[in-house]
Amino acid sequence: MVDLPPHQKISCAGLKERLQKEDLYVIDVRNPPEIEQSGFISSRRRVNIPFPEFESALNLEQNDFQAKYGIPKPTGDGSDLVIHCMIGGRGSKAIVLAEKSGLHKAQNLDGGYKKWAADGFAK
């Protein structure tokens, strides 16, 4: 797991609050079977991009990204982007890749989906 600075992390309560106010990108970097077993975080711009393909996804052109994932590609500084995995390891690595792509304000869900569910936010 990459040790991210505080500005690159968001708590479960912080994400829940932001989702009630903002239209965030929520990128889940878990593998599809993990999502099928445990569930997902709802957002209009929610997408699953398994970690092994995350870096190549960031390098896709806008039209190709939309065709493959069904949502527009995140752009700008990433301030509207939250990435997560199950407990935080892959999510923190994905943040490093996002930052290299210019999405330097993207945040990782601290504790991942496991903490999200444990905190009672899963449906």
C-alpha atoms as a PDB file:
ATOM      1  CA  MET A   1       0.000   0.000   0.000  1.00  0.00           C
ATOM      2  CA  VAL A   2       1.234   3.478  -0.870  1.00  0.00           C
ATOM      3  CA  ASP A   3       1.255   5.930   2.033  1.00  0.00           C
ATOM      4  CA  LEU A   4      -0.730   8.845   0.601  1.00  0.00           C
ATOM      5  CA  PRO A   5      -0.702  12.371   2.030  1.00  0.00           C
ATOM      6  CA  PRO A   6      -3.918  13.477   3.800  1.00  0.00           C
ATOM      7  CA  HIS A   7      -5.178  15.575   0.861  1.00  0.00           C
ATOM      8  CA  GLN A   8      -5.260  12.428  -1.309  1.00  0.00           C
ATOM      9  CA  LYS A   9      -7.527  10.520   1.095  1.00  0.00           C
ATOM     10  CA  ILE A  10     -11.213  10.837   1.871  1.00  0.00           C
ATOM     11  CA  SER A  11     -13.072   9.255   4.774  1.00  0.00           C
ATOM     12  CA  CYS A  12     -16.228   7.208   4.278  1.00  0.00           C
ATOM     13  CA  ALA A  13     -18.304   9.919   5.970  1.00  0.00           C
ATOM     14  CA  GLY A  14     -16.600  12.554   3.809  1.00  0.00           C
ATOM     15  CA  LEU A  15     -17.419  10.634   0.640  1.00  0.00           C
ATOM     16  CA  LYS A  16     -21.029  10.093   1.717  1.00  0.00           C
ATOM     17  CA  GLU A  17     -21.400  13.831   2.338  1.00  0.00           C
ATOM     18  CA  ARG A  18     -19.817  14.755  -0.999  1.00  0.00           C
ATOM     19  CA  LEU A  19     -22.012  12.262  -2.888  1.00  0.00           C
ATOM     20  CA  GLN A  20     -25.103  13.960  -1.451  1.00  0.00           C
ATOM     21  CA  LYS A  21     -23.923  17.342  -2.769  1.00  0.00           C
ATOM     22  CA  GLU A  22     -21.834  16.612  -5.854  1.00  0.00           C
ATOM     23  CA  ASP A  23     -21.802  14.493  -9.001  1.00  0.00           C
ATOM     24  CA  LEU A  24     -18.543  12.633  -8.372  1.00  0.00           C
ATOM     25  CA  TYR A  25     -16.681  10.094 -10.413  1.00  0.00           C
ATOM     26  CA  VAL A  26     -16.341   6.948  -8.303  1.00  0.00           C
ATOM     27  CA  ILE A  27     -13.862   4.544  -9.865  1.00  0.00           C
ATOM     28  CA  ASP A  28     -13.793   1.083  -8.327  1.00  0.00           C
ATOM     29  CA  VAL A  29     -10.500  -0.672  -9.121  1.00  0.00           C
ATOM     30  CA  ARG A  30     -11.570  -4.055  -7.706  1.00  0.00           C
ATOM     31  CA  ASN A  31     -12.091  -7.064  -9.941  1.00  0.00           C
ATOM     32  CA  PRO A  32     -15.701  -7.709 -11.055  1.00  0.00           C
ATOM     33  CA  PRO A  33     -16.188 -10.823  -8.848  1.00  0.00           C
ATOM     34  CA  GLU A  34     -15.310  -8.735  -5.768  1.00  0.00           C
ATOM     35  CA  ILE A  35     -18.031  -6.243  -6.657  1.00  0.00           C
ATOM     36  CA  GLU A  36     -20.560  -9.011  -7.336  1.00  0.00           C
ATOM     37  CA  GLN A  37     -19.860 -10.487  -3.891  1.00  0.00           C
ATOM     38  CA  SER A  38     -19.813  -7.321  -1.821  1.00  0.00           C
ATOM     39  CA  GLY A  39     -21.603  -4.524  -3.699  1.00  0.00           C
ATOM     40  CA  PHE A  40     -20.645  -1.063  -4.892  1.00  0.00           C
ATOM     41  CA  ILE A  41     -20.819   2.622  -4.045  1.00  0.00           C
ATOM     42  CA  SER A  42     -23.644   4.327  -5.915  1.00  0.00           C
ATOM     43  CA  SER A  43     -22.886   7.329  -8.076  1.00  0.00           C
ATOM     44  CA  ARG A  44     -24.212   8.409 -11.469  1.00  0.00           C
ATOM     45  CA  ARG A  45     -20.607   8.392 -12.676  1.00  0.00           C
ATOM     46  CA  ARG A  46     -19.607   5.073 -11.053  1.00  0.00           C
ATOM     47  CA  VAL A  47     -17.407   2.773 -13.085  1.00  0.00           C
ATOM     48  CA  ASN A  48     -15.399  -0.385 -12.522  1.00  0.00           C
ATOM     49  CA  ILE A  49     -11.890  -0.278 -13.974  1.00  0.00           C
ATOM     50  CA  PRO A  50      -9.929  -3.210 -12.521  1.00  0.00           C
ATOM     51  CA  PHE A  51      -6.509  -2.068 -11.306  1.00  0.00           C
ATOM     52  CA  PRO A  52      -4.513  -4.010 -13.945  1.00  0.00           C
ATOM     53  CA  GLU A  53      -6.171  -1.941 -16.706  1.00  0.00           C
ATOM     54  CA  PHE A  54      -6.375   1.379 -14.835  1.00  0.00           C
ATOM     55  CA  GLU A  55      -3.227   2.957 -16.269  1.00  0.00           C
ATOM     56  CA  SER A  56      -4.150   2.072 -19.850  1.00  0.00           C
ATOM     57  CA  ALA A  57      -7.678   3.401 -19.250  1.00  0.00           C
ATOM     58  CA  LEU A  58      -6.235   6.767 -18.229  1.00  0.00           C
ATOM     59  CA  ASN A  59      -4.319   6.866 -21.503  1.00  0.00           C
ATOM     60  CA  LEU A  60      -7.416   6.329 -23.669  1.00  0.00           C
ATOM     61  CA  GLU A  61      -8.797   9.178 -25.746  1.00  0.00           C
ATOM     62  CA  GLN A  62     -12.071  10.645 -24.459  1.00  0.00           C
ATOM     63  CA  ASN A  63     -14.248   8.891 -27.083  1.00  0.00           C
ATOM     64  CA  ASP A  64     -12.550   5.536 -26.543  1.00  0.00           C
ATOM     65  CA  PHE A  65     -12.904   5.825 -22.753  1.00  0.00           C
ATOM     66  CA  GLN A  66     -16.612   6.629 -23.067  1.00  0.00           C
ATOM     67  CA  ALA A  67     -17.173   3.765 -25.505  1.00  0.00           C
ATOM     68  CA  LYS A  68     -15.427   1.261 -23.225  1.00  0.00           C
ATOM     69  CA  TYR A  69     -16.690   2.394 -19.812  1.00  0.00           C
ATOM     70  CA  GLY A  70     -19.974   4.160 -20.568  1.00  0.00           C
ATOM     71  CA  ILE A  71     -19.091   7.462 -18.887  1.00  0.00           C
ATOM     72  CA  PRO A  72     -16.959  10.452 -19.898  1.00  0.00           C
ATOM     73  CA  LYS A  73     -13.299  10.249 -19.009  1.00  0.00           C
ATOM     74  CA  PRO A  74     -12.341  12.239 -15.896  1.00  0.00           C
ATOM     75  CA  THR A  75     -10.561  15.440 -16.860  1.00  0.00           C
ATOM     76  CA  GLY A  76      -9.201  18.524 -15.161  1.00  0.00           C
ATOM     77  CA  ASP A  77      -7.428  18.229 -11.840  1.00  0.00           C
ATOM     78  CA  GLY A  78      -9.403  15.229 -10.538  1.00  0.00           C
ATOM     79  CA  SER A  79     -11.107  17.135  -7.726  1.00  0.00           C
ATOM     80  CA  ASP A  80     -14.356  15.328  -8.648  1.00  0.00           C
ATOM     81  CA  LEU A  81     -12.750  11.863  -8.632  1.00  0.00           C
ATOM     82  CA  VAL A  82     -12.693   9.269  -5.839  1.00  0.00           C
ATOM     83  CA  ILE A  83     -10.980   5.929  -6.366  1.00  0.00           C
ATOM     84  CA  HIS A  84     -11.403   2.870  -4.177  1.00  0.00           C
ATOM     85  CA  CYS A  85     -10.719  -0.831  -3.890  1.00  0.00           C
ATOM     86  CA  MET A  86     -11.544  -3.272  -1.094  1.00  0.00           C
ATOM     87  CA  ILE A  87      -9.184  -2.072   1.673  1.00  0.00           C
ATOM     88  CA  GLY A  88      -7.047   0.678   0.120  1.00  0.00           C
ATOM     89  CA  GLY A  89      -3.951  -0.908  -1.421  1.00  0.00           C
ATOM     90  CA  ARG A  90      -4.910  -0.884  -5.097  1.00  0.00           C
ATOM     91  CA  GLY A  91      -6.783   2.378  -4.639  1.00  0.00           C
ATOM     92  CA  SER A  92      -3.706   4.133  -3.293  1.00  0.00           C
ATOM     93  CA  LYS A  93      -1.609   2.802  -6.194  1.00  0.00           C
ATOM     94  CA  ALA A  94      -4.292   4.026  -8.611  1.00  0.00           C
ATOM     95  CA  ILE A  95      -4.071   7.503  -7.048  1.00  0.00           C
ATOM     96  CA  VAL A  96      -0.358   7.593  -7.898  1.00  0.00           C
ATOM     97  CA  LEU A  97      -1.190   6.714 -11.523  1.00  0.00           C
ATOM     98  CA  ALA A  98      -3.998   9.281 -11.639  1.00  0.00           C
ATOM     99  CA  GLU A  99      -1.647  11.947 -10.327  1.00  0.00           C
ATOM    100  CA  LYS A 100       0.843  11.141 -13.110  1.00  0.00           C
ATOM    101  CA  SER A 101      -2.004  11.692 -15.586  1.00  0.00           C
ATOM    102  CA  GLY A 102      -2.726  15.173 -14.212  1.00  0.00           C
ATOM    103  CA  LEU A 103      -5.564  14.181 -11.871  1.00  0.00           C
ATOM    104  CA  HIS A 104      -3.559  15.431  -8.890  1.00  0.00           C
ATOM    105  CA  LYS A 105      -6.597  16.208  -6.702  1.00  0.00           C
ATOM    106  CA  ALA A 106      -8.154  12.739  -6.980  1.00  0.00           C
ATOM    107  CA  GLN A 107      -8.737  11.016  -3.645  1.00  0.00           C
ATOM    108  CA  ASN A 108      -8.614   7.440  -2.387  1.00  0.00           C
ATOM    109  CA  LEU A 109     -11.371   6.164  -0.099  1.00  0.00           C
ATOM    110  CA  ASP A 110      -9.566   5.551   3.180  1.00  0.00           C
ATOM    111  CA  GLY A 111     -10.201   1.939   4.216  1.00  0.00           C
ATOM    112  CA  GLY A 112     -11.833   1.073   0.891  1.00  0.00           C
ATOM    113  CA  TYR A 113     -15.183  -0.588   0.338  1.00  0.00           C
ATOM    114  CA  LYS A 114     -14.691  -2.827   3.369  1.00  0.00           C
ATOM    115  CA  LYS A 115     -14.703   0.217   5.679  1.00  0.00           C
ATOM    116  CA  TRP A 116     -17.566   1.810   3.692  1.00  0.00           C
ATOM    117  CA  ALA A 117     -19.675  -1.290   4.405  1.00  0.00           C
ATOM    118  CA  ALA A 118     -18.502  -1.582   8.025  1.00  0.00           C
ATOM    119  CA  ASP A 119     -19.488   2.047   8.617  1.00  0.00           C
ATOM    120  CA  GLY A 120     -23.025   1.234   7.456  1.00  0.00           C
ATOM    121  CA  PHE A 121     -22.992   3.070   4.125  1.00  0.00           C
ATOM    122  CA  ALA A 122     -23.449   0.000   1.878  1.00  0.00           C
ATOM    123  CA  LYS A 123     -26.961  -0.663   0.639  1.00  0.00           C
END
